[in-house]
Amino acid sequence: MNPVVMAAESFFEKLAAHDPFITRIMEEPKLFLIGDARDLGEPAEDRAAQEPLDEQAGT
């Protein structure tokens, strides 16, 4: 398993441009190791814009 992480904006741009990799992963069936498609929810916010966890905890 090789995860590919990208910003949501980049993902949707590639999807609209019919990028071969993005098109393939969207068309192929998903194999869930834990949970199912309902557990995915909405795309997460851009995490780079969030405070680091140690600052959120007040340390």
N, C-alpha and C. Protein backbone atom coordinates (compact mmCIF):
# COMPACT_ATOMS: atom_id res chain seq x y z
N MET A 1 0.86 -1.16 0.00
CA MET A 1 0.00 0.00 0.00
C MET A 1 0.90 1.23 0.00
N ASN A 2 0.67 2.12 -0.93
CA ASN A 2 1.45 3.35 -1.04
C ASN A 2 0.50 4.54 -1.02
N PRO A 3 0.34 5.18 0.15
CA PRO A 3 -0.58 6.32 0.20
C PRO A 3 -0.02 7.51 -0.58
N VAL A 4 -0.92 8.25 -1.18
CA VAL A 4 -0.57 9.49 -1.87
C VAL A 4 -1.39 10.59 -1.21
N VAL A 5 -0.72 11.59 -0.68
CA VAL A 5 -1.40 12.67 0.03
C VAL A 5 -1.29 13.93 -0.82
N MET A 6 -2.41 14.62 -1.00
CA MET A 6 -2.40 15.88 -1.75
C MET A 6 -3.51 16.77 -1.22
N ALA A 7 -3.36 18.05 -1.46
CA ALA A 7 -4.38 19.02 -1.05
C ALA A 7 -5.66 18.75 -1.84
N ALA A 8 -6.80 19.03 -1.22
CA ALA A 8 -8.09 18.81 -1.88
C ALA A 8 -8.16 19.59 -3.19
N GLU A 9 -7.66 20.82 -3.20
CA GLU A 9 -7.69 21.64 -4.42
C GLU A 9 -6.94 20.94 -5.56
N SER A 10 -5.78 20.40 -5.25
CA SER A 10 -4.98 19.69 -6.25
C SER A 10 -5.71 18.45 -6.75
N PHE A 11 -6.32 17.72 -5.82
CA PHE A 11 -7.06 16.51 -6.19
C PHE A 11 -8.18 16.84 -7.17
N PHE A 12 -8.98 17.87 -6.85
CA PHE A 12 -10.11 18.20 -7.71
C PHE A 12 -9.66 18.77 -9.06
N GLU A 13 -8.53 19.48 -9.07
CA GLU A 13 -7.99 19.96 -10.35
C GLU A 13 -7.59 18.78 -11.23
N LYS A 14 -6.91 17.80 -10.62
CA LYS A 14 -6.47 16.62 -11.37
C LYS A 14 -7.68 15.80 -11.83
N LEU A 15 -8.70 15.70 -11.00
CA LEU A 15 -9.91 14.98 -11.37
C LEU A 15 -10.58 15.65 -12.57
N ALA A 16 -10.69 16.97 -12.54
CA ALA A 16 -11.31 17.71 -13.64
C ALA A 16 -10.49 17.60 -14.93
N ALA A 17 -9.17 17.46 -14.78
CA ALA A 17 -8.28 17.36 -15.95
C ALA A 17 -8.15 15.92 -16.44
N HIS A 18 -8.89 15.01 -15.81
CA HIS A 18 -8.87 13.58 -16.18
C HIS A 18 -7.48 12.97 -16.05
N ASP A 19 -6.78 13.34 -14.96
CA ASP A 19 -5.47 12.76 -14.68
C ASP A 19 -5.61 11.24 -14.63
N PRO A 20 -4.75 10.50 -15.33
CA PRO A 20 -4.89 9.03 -15.39
C PRO A 20 -4.87 8.35 -14.02
N PHE A 21 -4.00 8.79 -13.12
CA PHE A 21 -3.92 8.17 -11.79
C PHE A 21 -5.21 8.41 -11.01
N ILE A 22 -5.65 9.66 -10.95
CA ILE A 22 -6.85 10.00 -10.19
C ILE A 22 -8.07 9.31 -10.80
N THR A 23 -8.17 9.31 -12.11
CA THR A 23 -9.29 8.65 -12.78
C THR A 23 -9.33 7.17 -12.42
N ARG A 24 -8.16 6.52 -12.44
CA ARG A 24 -8.11 5.09 -12.14
C ARG A 24 -8.53 4.81 -10.70
N ILE A 25 -8.02 5.58 -9.74
CA ILE A 25 -8.39 5.28 -8.35
C ILE A 25 -9.86 5.58 -8.07
N MET A 26 -10.44 6.53 -8.80
CA MET A 26 -11.86 6.82 -8.60
C MET A 26 -12.75 5.76 -9.22
N GLU A 27 -12.29 5.11 -10.28
CA GLU A 27 -13.10 4.11 -10.97
C GLU A 27 -12.98 2.72 -10.38
N GLU A 28 -11.82 2.41 -9.78
CA GLU A 28 -11.61 1.05 -9.26
C GLU A 28 -12.35 0.86 -7.95
N PRO A 29 -12.74 -0.39 -7.65
CA PRO A 29 -13.40 -0.66 -6.38
C PRO A 29 -12.43 -0.42 -5.22
N LYS A 30 -12.97 0.01 -4.11
CA LYS A 30 -12.16 0.28 -2.92
C LYS A 30 -12.16 -0.95 -2.02
N LEU A 31 -11.02 -1.25 -1.45
CA LEU A 31 -10.88 -2.36 -0.51
C LEU A 31 -10.62 -1.76 0.86
N PHE A 32 -11.59 -1.82 1.73
CA PHE A 32 -11.47 -1.23 3.06
C PHE A 32 -10.96 -2.27 4.04
N LEU A 33 -9.87 -1.94 4.74
CA LEU A 33 -9.33 -2.83 5.76
C LEU A 33 -10.12 -2.68 7.05
N ILE A 34 -10.55 -1.46 7.34
CA ILE A 34 -11.34 -1.17 8.54
C ILE A 34 -12.47 -0.25 8.11
N GLY A 35 -13.68 -0.54 8.51
CA GLY A 35 -14.81 0.32 8.19
C GLY A 35 -15.27 0.17 6.75
N ASP A 36 -15.99 1.19 6.27
CA ASP A 36 -16.51 1.18 4.90
C ASP A 36 -16.57 2.61 4.38
N ALA A 37 -17.15 2.79 3.21
CA ALA A 37 -17.18 4.10 2.56
C ALA A 37 -17.86 5.16 3.42
N ARG A 38 -18.81 4.75 4.24
CA ARG A 38 -19.51 5.73 5.10
C ARG A 38 -18.57 6.35 6.12
N ASP A 39 -17.49 5.66 6.47
CA ASP A 39 -16.54 6.17 7.45
C ASP A 39 -15.61 7.24 6.89
N LEU A 40 -15.58 7.41 5.58
CA LEU A 40 -14.69 8.39 4.98
C LEU A 40 -15.15 9.82 5.24
N GLY A 41 -16.43 10.06 5.19
CA GLY A 41 -16.95 11.40 5.44
C GLY A 41 -16.53 12.40 4.38
N GLU A 42 -16.49 13.65 4.76
CA GLU A 42 -16.12 14.74 3.86
C GLU A 42 -14.60 14.91 3.85
N PRO A 43 -14.05 15.50 2.78
CA PRO A 43 -12.61 15.77 2.77
C PRO A 43 -12.22 16.66 3.94
N ALA A 44 -11.07 16.39 4.52
CA ALA A 44 -10.58 17.17 5.66
C ALA A 44 -10.12 18.55 5.20
N GLU A 45 -10.06 19.48 6.16
CA GLU A 45 -9.54 20.80 5.85
C GLU A 45 -8.04 20.69 5.61
N ASP A 46 -7.46 21.72 5.03
CA ASP A 46 -6.02 21.75 4.82
C ASP A 46 -5.34 21.78 6.18
N ARG A 47 -4.67 20.72 6.54
CA ARG A 47 -4.06 20.60 7.86
C ARG A 47 -2.83 21.50 8.01
N ALA A 48 -2.22 21.92 6.93
CA ALA A 48 -1.05 22.80 7.02
C ALA A 48 -1.43 24.14 7.63
N ALA A 49 -2.68 24.53 7.51
CA ALA A 49 -3.14 25.82 8.02
C ALA A 49 -3.49 25.76 9.50
N GLN A 50 -3.55 24.58 10.08
CA GLN A 50 -3.92 24.43 11.47
C GLN A 50 -2.71 24.58 12.38
N GLU A 51 -2.98 24.91 13.66
CA GLU A 51 -1.90 24.99 14.64
C GLU A 51 -1.33 23.61 14.89
N PRO A 52 -0.02 23.53 15.21
CA PRO A 52 0.54 22.23 15.61
C PRO A 52 -0.16 21.72 16.86
N LEU A 53 -0.24 20.41 17.02
CA LEU A 53 -0.95 19.81 18.15
C LEU A 53 -0.42 20.28 19.49
N ASP A 54 0.90 20.46 19.63
CA ASP A 54 1.45 20.88 20.92
C ASP A 54 0.98 22.28 21.30
N GLU A 55 0.75 23.17 20.32
CA GLU A 55 0.24 24.50 20.61
C GLU A 55 -1.24 24.45 20.95
N GLN A 56 -1.99 23.53 20.35
CA GLN A 56 -3.41 23.39 20.66
C GLN A 56 -3.60 22.91 22.08
N ALA A 57 -2.69 22.07 22.56
CA ALA A 57 -2.80 21.52 23.90
C ALA A 57 -2.28 22.48 24.96
N GLY A 58 -1.68 23.61 24.53
CA GLY A 58 -1.19 24.59 25.48
C GLY A 58 0.17 24.25 26.06
N THR A 59 0.95 23.42 25.36
CA THR A 59 2.28 23.06 25.87
C THR A 59 3.35 23.86 25.21
